[in-house]
């Protein structure tokens, strides 16, 4: 007998989910029209934690690239200067 109640509860839950989905689907055009008449606009969601972290990492990456390019340019200049002095001494 318990199995029958479990089955009935399961199917009742499924029926409720389907009813909810059906009501939501039927009311979407009404909701859109009301929002249009009232002038309520959808707000953009705040960036998620992942989005903020990705943006921070992108900034750090760009900064690191710039610093690396400066370091390479500085090293090349020092090497060129060293080789210039080395050739002049010989």
PDB file of N, CA and C in Angstrom:
ATOM      1  N   UNK A   1       0.818  -1.192   0.000  1.00  0.00           N
ATOM      2  CA  UNK A   1       0.000   0.000   0.000  1.00  0.00           C
ATOM      3  C   UNK A   1       0.866   1.261   0.000  1.00  0.00           C
ATOM      4  N   UNK A   2       2.004   1.196   0.723  1.00  0.00           N
ATOM      5  CA  UNK A   2       2.895   2.343   0.804  1.00  0.00           C
ATOM      6  C   UNK A   2       3.420   2.724  -0.582  1.00  0.00           C
ATOM      7  N   UNK A   3       3.680   1.729  -1.386  1.00  0.00           N
ATOM      8  CA  UNK A   3       4.190   1.978  -2.734  1.00  0.00           C
ATOM      9  C   UNK A   3       3.191   2.791  -3.555  1.00  0.00           C
ATOM     10  N   UNK A   4       1.899   2.531  -3.366  1.00  0.00           N
ATOM     11  CA  UNK A   4       0.872   3.277  -4.087  1.00  0.00           C
ATOM     12  C   UNK A   4       0.891   4.754  -3.693  1.00  0.00           C
ATOM     13  N   UNK A   5       1.110   5.023  -2.402  1.00  0.00           N
ATOM     14  CA  UNK A   5       1.163   6.410  -1.948  1.00  0.00           C
ATOM     15  C   UNK A   5       2.409   7.114  -2.486  1.00  0.00           C
ATOM     16  N   UNK A   6       3.525   6.388  -2.533  1.00  0.00           N
ATOM     17  CA  UNK A   6       4.750   6.971  -3.082  1.00  0.00           C
ATOM     18  C   UNK A   6       4.565   7.313  -4.556  1.00  0.00           C
ATOM     19  N   UNK A   7       3.939   6.400  -5.286  1.00  0.00           N
ATOM     20  CA  UNK A   7       3.680   6.650  -6.704  1.00  0.00           C
ATOM     21  C   UNK A   7       2.748   7.839  -6.891  1.00  0.00           C
ATOM     22  N   UNK A   8       1.692   7.875  -6.080  1.00  0.00           N
ATOM     23  CA  UNK A   8       0.726   8.976  -6.181  1.00  0.00           C
ATOM     24  C   UNK A   8       1.400  10.305  -5.869  1.00  0.00           C
ATOM     25  N   UNK A   9       2.261  10.310  -4.860  1.00  0.00           N
ATOM     26  CA  UNK A   9       2.971  11.550  -4.495  1.00  0.00           C
ATOM     27  C   UNK A   9       3.891  11.992  -5.635  1.00  0.00           C
ATOM     28  N   UNK A  10       4.579  11.047  -6.248  1.00  0.00           N
ATOM     29  CA  UNK A  10       5.472  11.354  -7.363  1.00  0.00           C
ATOM     30  C   UNK A  10       4.696  11.991  -8.513  1.00  0.00           C
ATOM     31  N   UNK A  11       3.598  11.353  -8.910  1.00  0.00           N
ATOM     32  CA  UNK A  11       2.823  11.861 -10.037  1.00  0.00           C
ATOM     33  C   UNK A  11       2.139  13.184  -9.709  1.00  0.00           C
ATOM     34  N   UNK A  12       1.772  13.375  -8.453  1.00  0.00           N
ATOM     35  CA  UNK A  12       1.202  14.659  -8.042  1.00  0.00           C
ATOM     36  C   UNK A  12       2.253  15.765  -8.168  1.00  0.00           C
ATOM     37  N   UNK A  13       3.491  15.460  -7.785  1.00  0.00           N
ATOM     38  CA  UNK A  13       4.579  16.428  -7.930  1.00  0.00           C
ATOM     39  C   UNK A  13       4.842  16.762  -9.387  1.00  0.00           C
ATOM     40  N   UNK A  14       4.844  15.748 -10.237  1.00  0.00           N
ATOM     41  CA  UNK A  14       5.039  15.979 -11.672  1.00  0.00           C
ATOM     42  C   UNK A  14       3.918  16.836 -12.244  1.00  0.00           C
ATOM     43  N   UNK A  15       2.684  16.550 -11.822  1.00  0.00           N
ATOM     44  CA  UNK A  15       1.541  17.328 -12.303  1.00  0.00           C
ATOM     45  C   UNK A  15       1.667  18.780 -11.868  1.00  0.00           C
ATOM     46  N   UNK A  16       2.132  19.006 -10.643  1.00  0.00           N
ATOM     47  CA  UNK A  16       2.304  20.375 -10.154  1.00  0.00           C
ATOM     48  C   UNK A  16       3.378  21.099 -10.966  1.00  0.00           C
ATOM     49  N   UNK A  17       4.478  20.409 -11.276  1.00  0.00           N
ATOM     50  CA  UNK A  17       5.540  21.025 -12.082  1.00  0.00           C
ATOM     51  C   UNK A  17       5.026  21.405 -13.467  1.00  0.00           C
ATOM     52  N   UNK A  18       4.264  20.511 -14.077  1.00  0.00           N
ATOM     53  CA  UNK A  18       3.719  20.789 -15.405  1.00  0.00           C
ATOM     54  C   UNK A  18       2.716  21.935 -15.359  1.00  0.00           C
ATOM     55  N   UNK A  19       1.905  21.972 -14.312  1.00  0.00           N
ATOM     56  CA  UNK A  19       0.934  23.057 -14.180  1.00  0.00           C
ATOM     57  C   UNK A  19       1.657  24.392 -14.018  1.00  0.00           C
ATOM     58  N   UNK A  20       2.697  24.409 -13.206  1.00  0.00           N
ATOM     59  CA  UNK A  20       3.474  25.635 -12.996  1.00  0.00           C
ATOM     60  C   UNK A  20       4.099  26.104 -14.308  1.00  0.00           C
ATOM     61  N   UNK A  21       4.689  25.177 -15.052  1.00  0.00           N
ATOM     62  CA  UNK A  21       5.309  25.531 -16.333  1.00  0.00           C
ATOM     63  C   UNK A  21       4.267  26.052 -17.313  1.00  0.00           C
ATOM     64  N   UNK A  22       3.089  25.427 -17.329  1.00  0.00           N
ATOM     65  CA  UNK A  22       2.030  25.869 -18.231  1.00  0.00           C
ATOM     66  C   UNK A  22       1.524  27.255 -17.894  1.00  0.00           C
ATOM     67  N   UNK A  23       1.320  27.528 -16.608  1.00  0.00           N
ATOM     68  CA  UNK A  23       0.856  28.853 -16.185  1.00  0.00           C
ATOM     69  C   UNK A  23       1.909  29.900 -16.523  1.00  0.00           C
ATOM     70  N   UNK A  24       3.172  29.585 -16.270  1.00  0.00           N
ATOM     71  CA  UNK A  24       4.250  30.527 -16.578  1.00  0.00           C
ATOM     72  C   UNK A  24       4.287  30.835 -18.072  1.00  0.00           C
ATOM     73  N   UNK A  25       4.157  29.811 -18.887  1.00  0.00           N
ATOM     74  CA  UNK A  25       4.180  29.992 -20.332  1.00  0.00           C
ATOM     75  C   UNK A  25       3.002  30.837 -20.805  1.00  0.00           C
ATOM     76  N   UNK A  26       1.840  30.607 -20.231  1.00  0.00           N
ATOM     77  CA  UNK A  26       0.649  31.361 -20.629  1.00  0.00           C
ATOM     78  C   UNK A  26       0.725  32.817 -20.185  1.00  0.00           C
ATOM     79  N   UNK A  27       1.384  33.082 -19.066  1.00  0.00           N
ATOM     80  CA  UNK A  27       1.420  34.442 -18.530  1.00  0.00           C
ATOM     81  C   UNK A  27       2.599  35.269 -19.034  1.00  0.00           C
ATOM     82  N   UNK A  28       3.557  34.670 -19.732  1.00  0.00           N
ATOM     83  CA  UNK A  28       4.708  35.428 -20.233  1.00  0.00           C
ATOM     84  C   UNK A  28       4.299  36.605 -21.116  1.00  0.00           C
ATOM     85  N   UNK A  29       3.395  36.440 -22.092  1.00  0.00           N
ATOM     86  CA  UNK A  29       3.001  37.594 -22.908  1.00  0.00           C
ATOM     87  C   UNK A  29       2.304  38.681 -22.088  1.00  0.00           C
ATOM     88  N   UNK A  30       1.504  38.266 -21.119  1.00  0.00           N
ATOM     89  CA  UNK A  30       0.817  39.238 -20.261  1.00  0.00           C
ATOM     90  C   UNK A  30       1.840  40.007 -19.434  1.00  0.00           C
ATOM     91  N   UNK A  31       2.811  39.307 -18.881  1.00  0.00           N
ATOM     92  CA  UNK A  31       3.856  39.943 -18.086  1.00  0.00           C
ATOM     93  C   UNK A  31       4.646  40.942 -18.934  1.00  0.00           C
ATOM     94  N   UNK A  32       4.994  40.549 -20.153  1.00  0.00           N
ATOM     95  CA  UNK A  32       5.746  41.438 -21.044  1.00  0.00           C
ATOM     96  C   UNK A  32       4.935  42.686 -21.366  1.00  0.00           C
ATOM     97  N   UNK A  33       3.646  42.512 -21.606  1.00  0.00           N
ATOM     98  CA  UNK A  33       2.790  43.660 -21.934  1.00  0.00           C
ATOM     99  C   UNK A  33       2.664  44.601 -20.745  1.00  0.00           C
ATOM    100  N   UNK A  34       2.495  44.061 -19.550  1.00  0.00           N
ATOM    101  CA  UNK A  34       2.391  44.889 -18.343  1.00  0.00           C
ATOM    102  C   UNK A  34       3.694  45.650 -18.128  1.00  0.00           C
ATOM    103  N   UNK A  35       4.822  44.986 -18.286  1.00  0.00           N
ATOM    104  CA  UNK A  35       6.110  45.662 -18.115  1.00  0.00           C
ATOM    105  C   UNK A  35       6.273  46.769 -19.146  1.00  0.00           C
ATOM    106  N   UNK A  36       5.806  46.524 -20.355  1.00  0.00           N
ATOM    107  CA  UNK A  36       5.891  47.536 -21.409  1.00  0.00           C
ATOM    108  C   UNK A  36       5.026  48.745 -21.065  1.00  0.00           C
ATOM    109  N   UNK A  37       3.821  48.499 -20.573  1.00  0.00           N
ATOM    110  CA  UNK A  37       2.912  49.595 -20.229  1.00  0.00           C
ATOM    111  C   UNK A  37       3.403  50.376 -19.018  1.00  0.00           C
ATOM    112  N   UNK A  38       3.945  49.683 -18.051  1.00  0.00           N
ATOM    113  CA  UNK A  38       4.421  50.323 -16.827  1.00  0.00           C
ATOM    114  C   UNK A  38       5.772  50.983 -17.062  1.00  0.00           C
ATOM    115  N   UNK A  39       6.521  50.458 -17.991  1.00  0.00           N
ATOM    116  CA  UNK A  39       7.844  51.009 -18.278  1.00  0.00           C
ATOM    117  C   UNK A  39       8.926  50.374 -17.433  1.00  0.00           C
ATOM    118  N   UNK A  40       8.630  49.256 -16.835  1.00  0.00           N
ATOM    119  CA  UNK A  40       9.635  48.569 -16.028  1.00  0.00           C
ATOM    120  C   UNK A  40      10.619  47.876 -16.954  1.00  0.00           C
ATOM    121  N   UNK A  41      11.875  48.201 -16.775  1.00  0.00           N
ATOM    122  CA  UNK A  41      12.917  47.588 -17.590  1.00  0.00           C
ATOM    123  C   UNK A  41      13.661  46.566 -16.751  1.00  0.00           C
ATOM    124  N   UNK A  42      14.149  45.573 -17.418  1.00  0.00           N
ATOM    125  CA  UNK A  42      14.928  44.568 -16.714  1.00  0.00           C
ATOM    126  C   UNK A  42      16.297  45.151 -16.399  1.00  0.00           C
ATOM    127  N   UNK A  43      16.697  44.990 -15.149  1.00  0.00           N
ATOM    128  CA  UNK A  43      18.010  45.466 -14.745  1.00  0.00           C
ATOM    129  C   UNK A  43      19.053  44.440 -15.159  1.00  0.00           C
ATOM    130  N   UNK A  44      20.220  44.953 -15.517  1.00  0.00           N
ATOM    131  CA  UNK A  44      21.299  44.030 -15.843  1.00  0.00           C
ATOM    132  C   UNK A  44      21.801  43.415 -14.550  1.00  0.00           C
ATOM    133  N   UNK A  45      21.998  42.130 -14.553  1.00  0.00           N
ATOM    134  CA  UNK A  45      22.475  41.495 -13.325  1.00  0.00           C
ATOM    135  C   UNK A  45      23.899  41.939 -13.014  1.00  0.00           C
ATOM    136  N   UNK A  46      24.204  41.954 -11.723  1.00  0.00           N
ATOM    137  CA  UNK A  46      25.561  42.301 -11.320  1.00  0.00           C
ATOM    138  C   UNK A  46      26.506  41.213 -11.815  1.00  0.00           C
ATOM    139  N   UNK A  47      27.733  41.598 -12.114  1.00  0.00           N
ATOM    140  CA  UNK A  47      28.663  40.567 -12.568  1.00  0.00           C
ATOM    141  C   UNK A  47      28.876  39.530 -11.464  1.00  0.00           C
ATOM    142  N   UNK A  48      28.943  38.305 -11.860  1.00  0.00           N
ATOM    143  CA  UNK A  48      29.136  37.238 -10.883  1.00  0.00           C
ATOM    144  C   UNK A  48      30.569  37.286 -10.361  1.00  0.00           C
ATOM    145  N   UNK A  49      30.798  36.532  -9.329  1.00  0.00           N
ATOM    146  CA  UNK A  49      32.131  36.489  -8.744  1.00  0.00           C
ATOM    147  C   UNK A  49      33.140  35.999  -9.780  1.00  0.00           C
ATOM    148  N   UNK A  50      32.734  35.016 -10.569  1.00  0.00           N
ATOM    149  CA  UNK A  50      33.613  34.487 -11.613  1.00  0.00           C
ATOM    150  C   UNK A  50      33.938  35.560 -12.645  1.00  0.00           C
ATOM    151  N   UNK A  51      32.932  36.340 -13.058  1.00  0.00           N
ATOM    152  CA  UNK A  51      33.161  37.404 -14.036  1.00  0.00           C
ATOM    153  C   UNK A  51      34.133  38.447 -13.492  1.00  0.00           C
ATOM    154  N   UNK A  52      33.969  38.816 -12.216  1.00  0.00           N
ATOM    155  CA  UNK A  52      34.880  39.802 -11.613  1.00  0.00           C
ATOM    156  C   UNK A  52      36.302  39.267 -11.552  1.00  0.00           C
ATOM    157  N   UNK A  53      36.443  38.007 -11.177  1.00  0.00           N
ATOM    158  CA  UNK A  53      37.779  37.410 -11.085  1.00  0.00           C
ATOM    159  C   UNK A  53      38.416  37.326 -12.466  1.00  0.00           C
ATOM    160  N   UNK A  54      37.634  36.950 -13.479  1.00  0.00           N
ATOM    161  CA  UNK A  54      38.168  36.877 -14.838  1.00  0.00           C
ATOM    162  C   UNK A  54      38.600  38.250 -15.324  1.00  0.00           C
ATOM    163  N   UNK A  55      37.835  39.293 -15.002  1.00  0.00           N
ATOM    164  CA  UNK A  55      38.209  40.647 -15.399  1.00  0.00           C
ATOM    165  C   UNK A  55      39.498  41.070 -14.697  1.00  0.00           C
ATOM    166  N   UNK A  56      39.610  40.742 -13.402  1.00  0.00           N
ATOM    167  CA  UNK A  56      40.831  41.066 -12.666  1.00  0.00           C
ATOM    168  C   UNK A  56      42.035  40.343 -13.264  1.00  0.00           C
ATOM    169  N   UNK A  57      41.856  39.069 -13.594  1.00  0.00           N
ATOM    170  CA  UNK A  57      42.957  38.305 -14.179  1.00  0.00           C
ATOM    171  C   UNK A  57      43.363  38.860 -15.533  1.00  0.00           C
ATOM    172  N   UNK A  58      42.390  39.310 -16.313  1.00  0.00           N
ATOM    173  CA  UNK A  58      42.700  39.894 -17.623  1.00  0.00           C
ATOM    174  C   UNK A  58      43.552  41.149 -17.440  1.00  0.00           C
ATOM    175  N   UNK A  59      43.180  41.985 -16.466  1.00  0.00           N
ATOM    176  CA  UNK A  59      43.960  43.189 -16.189  1.00  0.00           C
ATOM    177  C   UNK A  59      45.369  42.854 -15.730  1.00  0.00           C
ATOM    178  N   UNK A  60      45.489  41.863 -14.855  1.00  0.00           N
ATOM    179  CA  UNK A  60      46.812  41.452 -14.385  1.00  0.00           C
ATOM    180  C   UNK A  60      47.655  40.889 -15.523  1.00  0.00           C
ATOM    181  N   UNK A  61      47.012  40.148 -16.404  1.00  0.00           N
ATOM    182  CA  UNK A  61      47.724  39.581 -17.549  1.00  0.00           C
ATOM    183  C   UNK A  61      48.272  40.691 -18.444  1.00  0.00           C
ATOM    184  N   UNK A  62      47.450  41.690 -18.726  1.00  0.00           N
ATOM    185  CA  UNK A  62      47.894  42.803 -19.571  1.00  0.00           C
ATOM    186  C   UNK A  62      49.029  43.569 -18.902  1.00  0.00           C
ATOM    187  N   UNK A  63      48.914  43.767 -17.592  1.00  0.00           N
ATOM    188  CA  UNK A  63      49.966  44.475 -16.864  1.00  0.00           C
ATOM    189  C   UNK A  63      51.273  43.677 -16.892  1.00  0.00           C
ATOM    190  N   UNK A  64      51.169  42.367 -16.697  1.00  0.00           N
ATOM    191  CA  UNK A  64      52.364  41.519 -16.712  1.00  0.00           C
ATOM    192  C   UNK A  64      53.017  41.524 -18.090  1.00  0.00           C
ATOM    193  N   UNK A  65      52.204  41.511 -19.140  1.00  0.00           N
ATOM    194  CA  UNK A  65      52.761  41.568 -20.496  1.00  0.00           C
ATOM    195  C   UNK A  65      53.517  42.870 -20.710  1.00  0.00           C
ATOM    196  N   UNK A  66      52.944  43.968 -20.264  1.00  0.00           N
ATOM    197  CA  UNK A  66      53.605  45.267 -20.409  1.00  0.00           C
ATOM    198  C   UNK A  66      54.917  45.316 -19.653  1.00  0.00           C
ATOM    199  N   UNK A  67      54.904  44.810 -18.411  1.00  0.00           N
ATOM    200  CA  UNK A  67      56.126  44.804 -17.614  1.00  0.00           C
ATOM    201  C   UNK A  67      57.180  43.892 -18.236  1.00  0.00           C
ATOM    202  N   UNK A  68      56.757  42.769 -18.784  1.00  0.00           N
ATOM    203  CA  UNK A  68      57.706  41.851 -19.418  1.00  0.00           C
ATOM    204  C   UNK A  68      58.331  42.496 -20.649  1.00  0.00           C
ATOM    205  N   UNK A  69      57.525  43.185 -21.434  1.00  0.00           N
ATOM    206  CA  UNK A  69      58.070  43.866 -22.616  1.00  0.00           C
ATOM    207  C   UNK A  69      59.070  44.940 -22.212  1.00  0.00           C
ATOM    208  N   UNK A  70      58.753  45.688 -21.155  1.00  0.00           N
ATOM    209  CA  UNK A  70      59.685  46.713 -20.675  1.00  0.00           C
ATOM    210  C   UNK A  70      60.986  46.073 -20.201  1.00  0.00           C
ATOM    211  N   UNK A  71      60.886  44.953 -19.483  1.00  0.00           N
ATOM    212  CA  UNK A  71      62.083  44.279 -18.982  1.00  0.00           C
ATOM    213  C   UNK A  71      62.938  43.759 -20.134  1.00  0.00           C
ATOM    214  N   UNK A  72      62.309  43.194 -21.150  1.00  0.00           N
ATOM    215  CA  UNK A  72      63.054  42.690 -22.311  1.00  0.00           C
ATOM    216  C   UNK A  72      63.722  43.846 -23.044  1.00  0.00           C
ATOM    217  N   UNK A  73      63.004  44.940 -23.219  1.00  0.00           N
ATOM    218  CA  UNK A  73      63.584  46.101 -23.900  1.00  0.00           C
ATOM    219  C   UNK A  73      64.763  46.651 -23.104  1.00  0.00           C
ATOM    220  N   UNK A  74      64.631  46.713 -21.787  1.00  0.00           N
ATOM    221  CA  UNK A  74      65.716  47.196 -20.939  1.00  0.00           C
ATOM    222  C   UNK A  74      66.925  46.266 -21.025  1.00  0.00           C
ATOM    223  N   UNK A  75      66.676  44.963 -20.995  1.00  0.00           N
ATOM    224  CA  UNK A  75      67.775  43.999 -21.084  1.00  0.00           C
ATOM    225  C   UNK A  75      68.473  44.103 -22.434  1.00  0.00           C
ATOM    226  N   UNK A  76      67.710  44.266 -23.492  1.00  0.00           N
ATOM    227  CA  UNK A  76      68.314  44.412 -24.819  1.00  0.00           C
ATOM    228  C   UNK A  76      69.172  45.673 -24.883  1.00  0.00           C
ATOM    229  N   UNK A  77      68.674  46.753 -24.299  1.00  0.00           N
ATOM    230  CA  UNK A  77      69.436  48.001 -24.312  1.00  0.00           C
ATOM    231  C   UNK A  77      70.739  47.843 -23.535  1.00  0.00           C
ATOM    232  N   UNK A  78      70.677  47.204 -22.358  1.00  0.00           N
ATOM    233  CA  UNK A  78      71.894  46.999 -21.571  1.00  0.00           C
ATOM    234  C   UNK A  78      72.876  46.079 -22.293  1.00  0.00           C
ATOM    235  N   UNK A  79      72.340  45.048 -22.954  1.00  0.00           N
ATOM    236  CA  UNK A  79      73.193  44.129 -23.695  1.00  0.00           C
ATOM    237  C   UNK A  79      73.856  44.843 -24.871  1.00  0.00           C
ATOM    238  N   UNK A  80      73.081  45.664 -25.556  1.00  0.00           N
ATOM    239  CA  UNK A  80      73.623  46.421 -26.683  1.00  0.00           C
ATOM    240  C   UNK A  80      74.707  47.384 -26.196  1.00  0.00           C
ATOM    241  N   UNK A  81      74.440  48.024 -25.058  1.00  0.00           N
ATOM    242  CA  UNK A  81      75.421  48.953 -24.486  1.00  0.00           C
ATOM    243  C   UNK A  81      76.680  48.194 -24.068  1.00  0.00           C
ATOM    244  N   UNK A  82      76.519  47.034 -23.447  1.00  0.00           N
ATOM    245  CA  UNK A  82      77.656  46.226 -23.011  1.00  0.00           C
ATOM    246  C   UNK A  82      78.491  45.776 -24.204  1.00  0.00           C
ATOM    247  N   UNK A  83      77.808  45.305 -25.246  1.00  0.00           N
ATOM    248  CA  UNK A  83      78.529  44.853 -26.430  1.00  0.00           C
ATOM    249  C   UNK A  83      79.224  46.016 -27.123  1.00  0.00           C
ATOM    250  N   UNK A  84      78.628  47.189 -27.056  1.00  0.00           N
ATOM    251  CA  UNK A  84      79.255  48.365 -27.647  1.00  0.00           C
ATOM    252  C   UNK A  84      80.524  48.741 -26.908  1.00  0.00           C
ATOM    253  N   UNK A  85      80.491  48.687 -25.563  1.00  0.00           N
ATOM    254  CA  UNK A  85      81.684  48.988 -24.770  1.00  0.00           C
ATOM    255  C   UNK A  85      82.734  47.905 -24.945  1.00  0.00           C
ATOM    256  N   UNK A  86      82.302  46.654 -25.030  1.00  0.00           N
ATOM    257  CA  UNK A  86      83.212  45.525 -25.180  1.00  0.00           C
ATOM    258  C   UNK A  86      83.970  45.632 -26.502  1.00  0.00           C
ATOM    259  N   UNK A  87      83.303  46.014 -27.573  1.00  0.00           N
ATOM    260  CA  UNK A  87      83.937  46.142 -28.882  1.00  0.00           C
ATOM    261  C   UNK A  87      84.885  47.338 -28.899  1.00  0.00           C
ATOM    262  N   UNK A  88      84.551  48.399 -28.174  1.00  0.00           N
ATOM    263  CA  UNK A  88      85.393  49.591 -28.148  1.00  0.00           C
ATOM    264  C   UNK A  88      86.677  49.335 -27.378  1.00  0.00           C
ATOM    265  N   UNK A  89      86.642  48.460 -26.364  1.00  0.00           N
ATOM    266  CA  UNK A  89      87.823  48.184 -25.548  1.00  0.00           C
ATOM    267  C   UNK A  89      88.835  47.320 -26.294  1.00  0.00           C
ATOM    268  N   UNK A  90      88.405  46.519 -27.258  1.00  0.00           N
ATOM    269  CA  UNK A  90      89.326  45.617 -27.955  1.00  0.00           C
ATOM    270  C   UNK A  90      90.134  46.297 -28.969  1.00  0.00           C
TER     271      UNK A  90
END
